[in-house]
Amino acid sequence: MNKNKNKGILFWITGLSGSGKTSLAKKIFPIIKKRYGPTIHLDGDSLRKILNLNGYSYKQRLSNTKIYNQIVKLITEQNINVIISLVGLMHIPRNWNKKNISKYVEIFIKSEVRKVILKDKKRVYKNNKDVVGFNIKPQFPKTPDIIINNTFDKNLDYLKLELLNKISKLINTKKYK
């Protein structure tokens, strides 16, 4: 019997603040749910508020992400898929996921820092001193399962289709069955 059979899939969407992680997560959510079963979307900003996790230094971000690791593991062990969108540009939590979550899909939304800063819809780069990619050095994924290049010249629906296509190809491998 396949021990992975009753485990949910973790879709870990990471990238710079403002790169489109949460927007893409919201776009793919209904399709992931329809194709792969019970699914929830967790957003790093919302989790931070709900759990009252303050501080944005590297050390605080790492501590927060380790908490998120435990939450998503608990949920996927109950045969529920999780789409989580968060900055999470640190090797330690992603490596932990690879070792501890059997159905782990690492998705990196790749964007140029200068383009993200120009967009800065949430004013993250103007209002905070501890911003990954600005004054905290990001640890970009070395071998993500999927890379989506968001240059901001394609609309989100195009990027959504690109991401879903890559997810479908990946999920059809033995690891996720």
Foldseek 3Di string as FASTA:
>chain_A
DDPLPQFAAEEEEAEFVQLCQVVLCVVCVVVCCVPQNAEDEAEPVVQCVVVVQDDQAPVSVVVSLVVVLVVQLVVRNRSHYYYYYDNPQDDVSVVCCVVRPQRYAYEYADEDPVQSCVPCPVCPVPPDDRGDPRPNDGNHDPDGQYYQYPHVPDDSVVSSVVVVVSVVVVCPDPSND
